[in-house]
Amino acid sequence: MPRPAGGGASYRAVLSLPHARGLFTAAILARLCYGLLSLPLLLTLRDATGSYAVAGSAAGLFGLISALLGPPRARLVEHRPRALMLLAVGYAGMLAVIALTGELGTAPWLVFALAAVAGLFPPPVGPLMRSLWSDLAAEPQQQCALSLDTVSESTVFAVGPALGAVLIGVWSAPMALAVCAGLVLVGFCALTRTLRRTSSRPHSRLQSATDPDRSNGATGQRPLRRTGFLGLLLLVLGSACALAVEEIAAVPRWGAGTTGALLTLCSAGGVVGGLLYGRRIWRAAPSRRLLVLGATGTAALALLAAAPLLPVAAAALFALGACLDMLLITAYLLVDQLFPAGTRMEAGAWVNTAYNLGSSLGSALAGALLDRHGSGAAFTAAAAAAGFGVLAAAATGHCSRRPPRRSPALVGTGSAVHHGDLAETEVLEPIDK
């Protein structure tokens, strides 16, 4: 990793920005339903059909549709912000219906249909928040703001499954899923209410109109057509695939209990790495940092493949967690630099989609390799997947392109663009294109 060049913005300063504390708190509440969801959904589908195979396939279908439609949903919310609450209501309603089927029982085909429809609705939180942080924070504070957001998201997803298990133990899986549905409504109501008091969008509009590097030809361009962006997505996909392979391959090697401790260590590495990363100003450009972080994570995985011992696994997974969170923060920084307000949320959602697809691919790959070749082959495949992502990103030549700079006249936490009446903001008003 390149040597840091002095201290950066503080997390206290980021949370002192106008509306920042309210947005941060509301986003955690909105994300909590996603952190809790996986186990209650799987077990509710099992209760509805009596089959783990059907439940697992239906949950996989839900996850696949949700991931693939993430970018279109983000584009919808960016251009029609009132759709955020409509998506939340639809999502909560579908979760409640699935919870009811868990209590009453139903046919497998109906479970698949309900899971598929539910996958249409999950409202975007991460892309929305990262776009808002980009508008609220001046350029020196954006890395710190994105680090704080990524660490909070990682923490919610680390704690959420444990809370879901507690709810299932106290009540039942369908009741826990009903709690998730309630959290969707509460969380997104809180987020929407906070957005009504936030007027950060004029900052984006003015910036895109006056900065030719950010607006020239980019507003109408779909993110996947942007030079170098596909390489970034492949790097994220390869890293997520590698982590998923490691998570599954560790179980037959060291047992479920030890694997749980290793995964907790990996999450801790992500939190520590993300917090330290966000506080520093780095000399290297974000695109070059992306490659360095990907290569460092690959090296940690290669070390584990060469010496699959428990102490090596602990160190490698801690390093991988740190590298992966820092890599995601850097990817979000690049999204902010490469895309104007009209496509930034969609581009950020593509990063999430790449991560989720990589995780799904890694789970399938690990299962196939463990059945035929054992955990050693799976560890090697994890390193290869991460290395493929690094090579794909480097092959695009993206790291040689200098990112556009923001107009200095339009960044600054005290600017009038951060304040104004609801009538002046586009956060909850439709944008006609």
Protein backbone atom coordinates (compact mmCIF):
# COMPACT_ATOMS: atom_id res chain seq x y z
CA MET A 1 0.00 0.00 0.00
CA PRO A 2 1.37 3.47 -0.84
CA ARG A 3 2.52 5.49 2.14
CA PRO A 4 -0.14 7.86 3.50
CA ALA A 5 0.45 11.57 3.11
CA GLY A 6 -0.64 13.07 6.39
CA GLY A 7 -3.94 12.94 8.19
CA GLY A 8 -7.29 13.28 6.51
CA ALA A 9 -10.73 14.43 7.62
CA SER A 10 -12.12 13.20 10.92
CA TYR A 11 -15.27 11.14 11.33
CA ARG A 12 -16.55 13.71 13.79
CA ALA A 13 -16.21 16.41 11.14
CA VAL A 14 -18.10 14.27 8.62
CA LEU A 15 -20.94 13.64 11.06
CA SER A 16 -21.06 17.39 11.79
CA LEU A 17 -22.00 18.17 8.18
CA PRO A 18 -25.56 19.42 7.66
CA HIS A 19 -28.06 16.56 7.96
CA ALA A 20 -25.23 13.99 8.21
CA ARG A 21 -26.14 12.51 11.61
CA GLY A 22 -29.78 12.06 10.68
CA LEU A 23 -28.93 10.43 7.36
CA PHE A 24 -26.33 8.16 8.94
CA THR A 25 -28.73 6.97 11.66
CA ALA A 26 -31.65 6.49 9.26
CA ALA A 27 -29.45 4.54 6.85
CA ILE A 28 -28.36 2.14 9.59
CA LEU A 29 -32.01 1.55 10.49
CA ALA A 30 -32.93 0.98 6.83
CA ARG A 31 -30.00 -1.42 6.36
CA LEU A 32 -30.86 -3.45 9.44
CA CYS A 33 -33.67 -5.28 7.63
CA TYR A 34 -31.16 -6.50 5.02
CA GLY A 35 -28.71 -7.66 7.68
CA LEU A 36 -31.42 -9.68 9.45
CA LEU A 37 -33.04 -11.18 6.38
CA SER A 38 -31.07 -14.23 5.24
CA LEU A 39 -31.78 -16.80 7.98
CA PRO A 40 -35.46 -15.86 8.63
CA LEU A 41 -36.18 -15.94 4.88
CA LEU A 42 -34.55 -19.34 4.35
CA LEU A 43 -36.25 -20.97 7.33
CA THR A 44 -39.63 -19.40 6.55
CA LEU A 45 -39.48 -20.81 3.02
CA ARG A 46 -38.53 -24.16 4.55
CA ASP A 47 -41.53 -23.98 6.90
CA ALA A 48 -43.80 -23.13 3.96
CA THR A 49 -42.77 -26.15 1.87
CA GLY A 50 -41.09 -28.58 4.26
CA SER A 51 -38.04 -28.74 1.98
CA TYR A 52 -34.61 -27.21 2.43
CA ALA A 53 -33.90 -27.79 -1.27
CA VAL A 54 -36.91 -25.75 -2.35
CA ALA A 55 -36.19 -23.10 0.27
CA GLY A 56 -32.56 -22.76 -0.78
CA SER A 57 -33.44 -22.53 -4.48
CA ALA A 58 -36.18 -19.98 -3.84
CA ALA A 59 -33.89 -17.89 -1.64
CA GLY A 60 -31.24 -18.07 -4.36
CA LEU A 61 -33.77 -16.90 -6.95
CA PHE A 62 -34.73 -14.00 -4.70
CA GLY A 63 -31.07 -13.02 -4.29
CA LEU A 64 -30.31 -13.30 -8.00
CA ILE A 65 -33.26 -11.15 -9.11
CA SER A 66 -32.58 -8.64 -6.35
CA ALA A 67 -28.92 -8.31 -7.39
CA LEU A 68 -29.54 -8.09 -11.14
CA LEU A 69 -32.26 -5.47 -10.77
CA GLY A 70 -30.27 -3.37 -8.29
CA PRO A 71 -28.96 -0.92 -10.93
CA PRO A 72 -32.38 -0.33 -12.56
CA ARG A 73 -33.92 0.29 -9.12
CA ALA A 74 -31.14 2.75 -8.28
CA ARG A 75 -31.67 4.53 -11.61
CA LEU A 76 -35.41 4.70 -10.88
CA VAL A 77 -34.86 6.23 -7.44
CA GLU A 78 -32.26 8.68 -8.75
CA HIS A 79 -34.65 9.99 -11.40
CA ARG A 80 -37.93 9.41 -9.53
CA PRO A 81 -37.01 9.74 -5.83
CA ARG A 82 -40.59 9.24 -4.63
CA ALA A 83 -40.26 5.65 -5.86
CA LEU A 84 -38.05 4.91 -2.81
CA MET A 85 -41.00 4.65 -0.43
CA LEU A 86 -43.14 2.84 -3.01
CA LEU A 87 -40.43 0.18 -3.35
CA ALA A 88 -40.20 -0.07 0.44
CA VAL A 89 -43.96 -0.61 0.80
CA GLY A 90 -43.94 -3.26 -1.94
CA TYR A 91 -40.95 -5.00 -0.39
CA ALA A 92 -42.42 -5.02 3.12
CA GLY A 93 -45.71 -6.33 1.74
CA MET A 94 -44.03 -9.24 -0.06
CA LEU A 95 -42.01 -10.19 3.02
CA ALA A 96 -45.21 -10.17 5.08
CA VAL A 97 -46.94 -12.43 2.52
CA ILE A 98 -44.01 -14.86 2.57
CA ALA A 99 -44.09 -14.84 6.38
CA LEU A 100 -47.79 -15.75 6.24
CA THR A 101 -47.07 -18.68 3.92
CA GLY A 102 -44.53 -19.91 6.45
CA GLU A 103 -47.30 -20.14 9.04
CA LEU A 104 -49.91 -21.65 6.73
CA GLY A 105 -47.84 -23.69 4.28
CA THR A 106 -48.08 -23.54 0.48
CA ALA A 107 -47.05 -25.22 -2.77
CA PRO A 108 -43.43 -24.97 -3.98
CA TRP A 109 -44.40 -23.16 -7.21
CA LEU A 110 -46.05 -20.39 -5.20
CA VAL A 111 -42.95 -20.05 -3.01
CA PHE A 112 -40.82 -19.56 -6.12
CA ALA A 113 -43.28 -17.01 -7.50
CA LEU A 114 -43.38 -15.02 -4.26
CA ALA A 115 -39.59 -15.06 -3.92
CA ALA A 116 -39.21 -13.84 -7.50
CA VAL A 117 -41.69 -10.99 -7.02
CA ALA A 118 -40.08 -9.99 -3.71
CA GLY A 119 -36.74 -9.70 -5.53
CA LEU A 120 -38.18 -6.90 -7.65
CA PHE A 121 -38.61 -4.49 -4.75
CA PRO A 122 -35.63 -4.13 -2.33
CA PRO A 123 -35.02 -0.36 -2.17
CA PRO A 124 -31.43 0.88 -2.64
CA VAL A 125 -29.75 2.13 0.52
CA GLY A 126 -26.02 1.92 -0.22
CA PRO A 127 -26.08 3.61 -3.66
CA LEU A 128 -28.42 6.30 -2.35
CA MET A 129 -26.29 7.03 0.71
CA ARG A 130 -23.03 7.10 -1.22
CA SER A 131 -24.54 9.55 -3.69
CA LEU A 132 -25.74 11.73 -0.81
CA TRP A 133 -22.34 11.62 0.91
CA SER A 134 -20.79 12.72 -2.36
CA ASP A 135 -23.05 15.75 -2.40
CA LEU A 136 -22.77 16.64 1.29
CA ALA A 137 -19.01 16.31 1.75
CA ALA A 138 -16.25 18.38 0.24
CA GLU A 139 -13.59 16.44 -1.67
CA PRO A 140 -11.13 16.02 1.26
CA GLN A 141 -13.96 14.56 3.39
CA GLN A 142 -15.46 12.17 0.85
CA GLN A 143 -13.06 9.30 1.50
CA CYS A 144 -13.76 9.58 5.22
CA ALA A 145 -17.52 9.74 4.62
CA LEU A 146 -17.51 6.72 2.31
CA SER A 147 -15.34 4.79 4.77
CA LEU A 148 -17.78 5.51 7.58
CA ASP A 149 -20.68 4.40 5.39
CA THR A 150 -18.95 1.19 4.28
CA VAL A 151 -17.90 0.27 7.83
CA SER A 152 -21.43 0.84 9.14
CA GLU A 153 -22.81 -1.38 6.36
CA SER A 154 -20.27 -4.11 7.13
CA THR A 155 -21.11 -3.92 10.83
CA VAL A 156 -24.85 -4.26 10.18
CA PHE A 157 -24.28 -7.32 7.99
CA ALA A 158 -21.94 -8.85 10.59
CA VAL A 159 -24.36 -8.35 13.49
CA GLY A 160 -27.62 -8.91 11.58
CA PRO A 161 -27.49 -12.72 11.25
CA ALA A 162 -26.94 -13.09 15.00
CA LEU A 163 -29.94 -10.86 15.72
CA GLY A 164 -31.99 -12.87 13.23
CA ALA A 165 -31.07 -16.09 15.01
CA VAL A 166 -32.14 -14.58 18.35
CA LEU A 167 -35.54 -13.56 16.93
CA ILE A 168 -36.05 -17.06 15.51
CA GLY A 169 -35.16 -18.59 18.86
CA VAL A 170 -37.51 -16.30 20.78
CA TRP A 171 -40.45 -16.57 18.33
CA SER A 172 -40.23 -18.37 14.98
CA ALA A 173 -38.78 -17.86 11.51
CA PRO A 174 -42.04 -16.43 10.05
CA MET A 175 -42.30 -14.00 12.97
CA ALA A 176 -38.68 -12.96 12.49
CA LEU A 177 -39.42 -12.34 8.80
CA ALA A 178 -42.45 -10.25 9.80
CA VAL A 179 -40.11 -8.20 12.02
CA CYS A 180 -37.90 -7.67 8.94
CA ALA A 181 -40.95 -6.40 7.05
CA GLY A 182 -41.70 -3.98 9.86
CA LEU A 183 -38.10 -2.78 9.90
CA VAL A 184 -38.34 -2.05 6.18
CA LEU A 185 -41.24 0.34 6.78
CA VAL A 186 -39.73 1.94 9.88
CA GLY A 187 -36.26 2.29 8.38
CA PHE A 188 -37.33 3.73 5.05
CA CYS A 189 -39.90 6.02 6.63
CA ALA A 190 -37.09 7.44 8.78
CA LEU A 191 -34.80 7.73 5.76
CA THR A 192 -37.47 9.42 3.65
CA ARG A 193 -38.30 11.87 6.44
CA THR A 194 -34.64 12.77 6.76
CA LEU A 195 -34.30 13.20 3.00
CA ARG A 196 -37.11 15.76 3.07
CA ARG A 197 -34.90 17.95 5.25
CA THR A 198 -31.86 17.41 3.05
CA SER A 199 -31.14 19.62 0.06
CA SER A 200 -27.90 18.25 -1.28
CA ARG A 201 -29.03 17.67 -4.84
CA PRO A 202 -28.55 21.27 -6.06
CA HIS A 203 -24.85 20.73 -5.33
CA SER A 204 -24.83 17.81 -7.78
CA ARG A 205 -26.80 19.67 -10.40
CA LEU A 206 -24.58 22.74 -10.35
CA GLN A 207 -21.44 20.69 -10.27
CA SER A 208 -22.41 18.56 -13.25
CA ALA A 209 -23.40 21.61 -15.26
CA THR A 210 -20.18 23.54 -14.69
CA ASP A 211 -17.54 20.81 -14.65
CA PRO A 212 -16.93 19.71 -18.24
CA ASP A 213 -14.85 16.72 -17.17
CA ARG A 214 -17.81 15.24 -15.29
CA SER A 215 -20.64 16.28 -17.59
CA ASN A 216 -19.25 16.05 -21.11
CA GLY A 217 -21.06 13.10 -22.64
CA ALA A 218 -21.34 11.24 -19.35
CA THR A 219 -24.86 12.10 -18.24
CA GLY A 220 -26.60 10.08 -20.91
CA GLN A 221 -24.06 7.28 -20.96
CA ARG A 222 -24.88 4.02 -19.23
CA PRO A 223 -22.24 3.16 -16.62
CA LEU A 224 -21.21 -0.14 -18.23
CA ARG A 225 -20.13 1.75 -21.35
CA ARG A 226 -17.71 3.93 -19.42
CA THR A 227 -14.10 3.06 -20.19
CA GLY A 228 -12.49 1.06 -17.39
CA PHE A 229 -15.66 0.59 -15.34
CA LEU A 230 -16.12 -3.04 -16.37
CA GLY A 231 -12.59 -3.80 -15.13
CA LEU A 232 -13.46 -2.25 -11.76
CA LEU A 233 -16.57 -4.45 -11.56
CA LEU A 234 -14.58 -7.57 -12.43
CA LEU A 235 -12.09 -6.74 -9.67
CA VAL A 236 -14.93 -6.44 -7.14
CA LEU A 237 -16.58 -9.62 -8.47
CA GLY A 238 -13.33 -11.61 -8.25
CA SER A 239 -12.64 -10.45 -4.69
CA ALA A 240 -16.17 -11.26 -3.52
CA CYS A 241 -16.00 -14.66 -5.23
CA ALA A 242 -12.72 -15.40 -3.44
CA LEU A 243 -14.17 -14.50 -0.03
CA ALA A 244 -17.24 -16.71 -0.59
CA VAL A 245 -15.02 -19.64 -1.58
CA GLU A 246 -12.90 -19.17 1.55
CA GLU A 247 -15.97 -19.03 3.81
CA ILE A 248 -17.27 -22.39 2.58
CA ALA A 249 -13.93 -24.16 2.11
CA ALA A 250 -12.91 -23.40 5.69
CA VAL A 251 -15.77 -25.50 7.13
CA PRO A 252 -14.50 -28.98 6.15
CA ARG A 253 -10.92 -27.95 6.92
CA TRP A 254 -11.38 -26.55 10.45
CA GLY A 255 -15.01 -27.12 11.43
CA ALA A 256 -18.03 -24.83 11.70
CA GLY A 257 -17.10 -23.32 15.08
CA THR A 258 -13.59 -22.34 14.06
CA THR A 259 -14.85 -21.08 10.70
CA GLY A 260 -17.30 -18.80 12.50
CA ALA A 261 -14.42 -17.31 14.48
CA LEU A 262 -12.37 -16.87 11.29
CA LEU A 263 -15.25 -15.06 9.58
CA THR A 264 -15.65 -12.79 12.60
CA LEU A 265 -11.95 -12.03 12.33
CA CYS A 266 -12.42 -11.24 8.63
CA SER A 267 -15.26 -8.81 9.48
CA ALA A 268 -13.11 -7.23 12.18
CA GLY A 269 -10.34 -6.75 9.62
CA GLY A 270 -12.81 -4.95 7.37
CA VAL A 271 -13.92 -2.60 10.15
CA VAL A 272 -10.36 -1.82 11.28
CA GLY A 273 -9.08 -1.41 7.73
CA GLY A 274 -11.98 0.77 6.66
CA LEU A 275 -11.73 3.09 9.66
CA LEU A 276 -7.96 3.53 9.31
CA TYR A 277 -8.15 3.93 5.54
CA GLY A 278 -10.77 6.67 5.67
CA ARG A 279 -8.72 8.83 8.05
CA ARG A 280 -5.70 9.12 5.77
CA ILE A 281 -4.89 11.07 2.62
CA TRP A 282 -3.08 8.87 0.11
CA ARG A 283 -0.58 10.01 -2.49
CA ALA A 284 -1.52 7.35 -5.04
CA ALA A 285 -4.58 7.88 -7.24
CA PRO A 286 -7.67 5.83 -6.30
CA SER A 287 -7.41 3.74 -9.49
CA ARG A 288 -3.86 2.70 -8.61
CA ARG A 289 -4.84 2.03 -4.99
CA LEU A 290 -7.59 -0.25 -6.28
CA LEU A 291 -5.04 -2.47 -8.02
CA VAL A 292 -2.67 -2.46 -5.04
CA LEU A 293 -5.45 -3.48 -2.66
CA GLY A 294 -6.64 -6.22 -5.01
CA ALA A 295 -3.09 -7.54 -5.40
CA THR A 296 -2.54 -7.47 -1.61
CA GLY A 297 -5.71 -9.48 -1.00
CA THR A 298 -4.65 -11.94 -3.71
CA ALA A 299 -1.25 -12.36 -2.06
CA ALA A 300 -2.92 -13.15 1.29
CA LEU A 301 -5.09 -15.78 -0.39
CA ALA A 302 -2.11 -17.26 -2.24
CA LEU A 303 -0.25 -17.59 1.07
CA LEU A 304 -3.21 -19.47 2.56
CA ALA A 305 -3.39 -21.76 -0.50
CA ALA A 306 0.32 -22.53 -0.15
CA ALA A 307 0.16 -23.10 3.63
CA PRO A 308 -3.42 -23.97 4.72
CA LEU A 309 -2.71 -23.78 8.44
CA LEU A 310 -5.01 -22.22 11.03
CA PRO A 311 -2.67 -19.32 12.06
CA VAL A 312 -2.08 -18.53 8.39
CA ALA A 313 -5.83 -18.61 7.75
CA ALA A 314 -6.45 -16.20 10.64
CA ALA A 315 -3.89 -13.70 9.34
CA ALA A 316 -4.96 -14.11 5.71
CA LEU A 317 -8.67 -13.63 6.39
CA PHE A 318 -8.03 -10.59 8.60
CA ALA A 319 -5.94 -9.08 5.78
CA LEU A 320 -8.52 -10.06 3.18
CA GLY A 321 -11.32 -8.41 5.16
CA ALA A 322 -9.30 -5.21 5.49
CA CYS A 323 -8.34 -5.18 1.80
CA LEU A 324 -11.87 -5.90 0.64
CA ASP A 325 -13.47 -3.08 2.64
CA MET A 326 -10.76 -0.65 1.53
CA LEU A 327 -11.19 -1.84 -2.06
CA LEU A 328 -14.93 -1.15 -1.90
CA ILE A 329 -14.35 2.31 -0.44
CA THR A 330 -11.92 3.06 -3.26
CA ALA A 331 -14.37 1.73 -5.86
CA TYR A 332 -17.06 4.06 -4.53
CA LEU A 333 -14.61 6.98 -4.68
CA LEU A 334 -13.94 6.17 -8.33
CA VAL A 335 -17.68 6.00 -9.03
CA ASP A 336 -18.03 9.48 -7.57
CA GLN A 337 -15.16 10.80 -9.69
CA LEU A 338 -16.18 9.14 -12.95
CA PHE A 339 -19.95 9.65 -12.99
CA PRO A 340 -22.15 12.75 -12.68
CA ALA A 341 -25.29 12.94 -10.58
CA GLY A 342 -27.53 11.53 -13.31
CA THR A 343 -25.84 8.12 -13.34
CA ARG A 344 -23.89 7.95 -10.06
CA MET A 345 -26.44 5.94 -8.09
CA GLU A 346 -26.82 3.42 -10.89
CA ALA A 347 -23.05 3.05 -11.17
CA GLY A 348 -22.76 2.51 -7.42
CA ALA A 349 -25.50 -0.13 -7.62
CA TRP A 350 -23.47 -1.96 -10.28
CA VAL A 351 -20.62 -2.23 -7.75
CA ASN A 352 -23.06 -3.84 -5.29
CA THR A 353 -24.37 -6.15 -8.01
CA ALA A 354 -20.84 -7.25 -8.92
CA TYR A 355 -20.14 -8.04 -5.28
CA ASN A 356 -23.37 -10.04 -4.85
CA LEU A 357 -22.90 -11.97 -8.09
CA GLY A 358 -19.31 -12.72 -7.10
CA SER A 359 -20.50 -14.10 -3.76
CA SER A 360 -23.09 -16.31 -5.48
CA LEU A 361 -20.55 -17.56 -7.99
CA GLY A 362 -18.06 -18.26 -5.21
CA SER A 363 -20.58 -20.30 -3.24
CA ALA A 364 -21.38 -22.45 -6.27
CA LEU A 365 -17.69 -22.83 -7.16
CA ALA A 366 -16.74 -23.84 -3.63
CA GLY A 367 -19.45 -26.50 -3.48
CA ALA A 368 -18.34 -28.07 -6.75
CA LEU A 369 -14.64 -28.05 -5.82
CA LEU A 370 -15.15 -29.43 -2.30
CA ASP A 371 -17.15 -32.39 -3.60
CA ARG A 372 -14.50 -33.36 -6.15
CA HIS A 373 -11.11 -32.06 -5.02
CA GLY A 374 -11.26 -30.92 -1.38
CA SER A 375 -10.54 -27.68 0.43
CA GLY A 376 -6.98 -27.31 -0.90
CA ALA A 377 -8.26 -26.89 -4.46
CA ALA A 378 -10.88 -24.43 -3.20
CA PHE A 379 -8.23 -22.27 -1.51
CA THR A 380 -6.25 -22.22 -4.75
CA ALA A 381 -9.36 -21.29 -6.72
CA ALA A 382 -10.04 -18.39 -4.32
CA ALA A 383 -6.60 -16.93 -4.98
CA ALA A 384 -7.08 -17.45 -8.72
CA ALA A 385 -10.45 -15.66 -8.69
CA ALA A 386 -9.00 -12.66 -6.88
CA GLY A 387 -6.00 -12.60 -9.20
CA PHE A 388 -8.26 -12.74 -12.24
CA GLY A 389 -10.06 -9.63 -11.01
CA VAL A 390 -6.79 -7.74 -10.59
CA LEU A 391 -5.59 -8.72 -14.07
CA ALA A 392 -8.94 -7.76 -15.61
CA ALA A 393 -8.83 -4.32 -13.98
CA ALA A 394 -5.23 -3.77 -15.04
CA ALA A 395 -5.97 -4.89 -18.62
CA THR A 396 -8.53 -2.12 -19.06
CA GLY A 397 -5.79 0.49 -18.67
CA HIS A 398 -8.07 2.25 -16.18
CA CYS A 399 -5.27 2.96 -13.70
CA SER A 400 -3.45 5.11 -16.26
CA ARG A 401 -6.39 7.49 -16.64
CA ARG A 402 -6.44 10.44 -14.30
CA PRO A 403 -9.85 10.95 -12.71
CA PRO A 404 -11.62 14.27 -13.32
CA ARG A 405 -11.36 16.91 -10.66
CA ARG A 406 -14.26 18.69 -9.05
CA SER A 407 -14.72 22.36 -9.60
CA PRO A 408 -13.10 24.07 -6.58
CA ALA A 409 -15.80 26.70 -6.52
CA LEU A 410 -18.46 24.14 -5.79
CA VAL A 411 -17.01 22.13 -2.93
CA GLY A 412 -16.99 23.27 0.65
CA THR A 413 -19.10 22.42 3.60
CA GLY A 414 -20.20 25.94 4.24
CA SER A 415 -21.55 26.65 0.76
CA ALA A 416 -25.11 27.77 0.33
CA VAL A 417 -25.81 24.79 -1.90
CA HIS A 418 -26.07 22.63 1.22
CA HIS A 419 -29.04 24.57 2.56
CA GLY A 420 -32.42 25.61 1.27
CA ASP A 421 -36.14 24.95 1.30
CA LEU A 422 -37.75 21.69 0.34
CA ALA A 423 -38.99 23.35 -2.82
CA GLU A 424 -35.37 23.82 -3.95
CA THR A 425 -34.31 20.22 -3.51
CA GLU A 426 -34.59 17.35 -5.92
CA VAL A 427 -34.21 14.66 -3.28
CA LEU A 428 -37.90 13.79 -3.13
CA GLU A 429 -39.10 15.44 -6.34
CA PRO A 430 -39.34 13.70 -9.74
CA ILE A 431 -36.68 14.62 -12.29
CA ASP A 432 -37.91 14.63 -15.88
CA LYS A 433 -35.34 13.81 -18.52
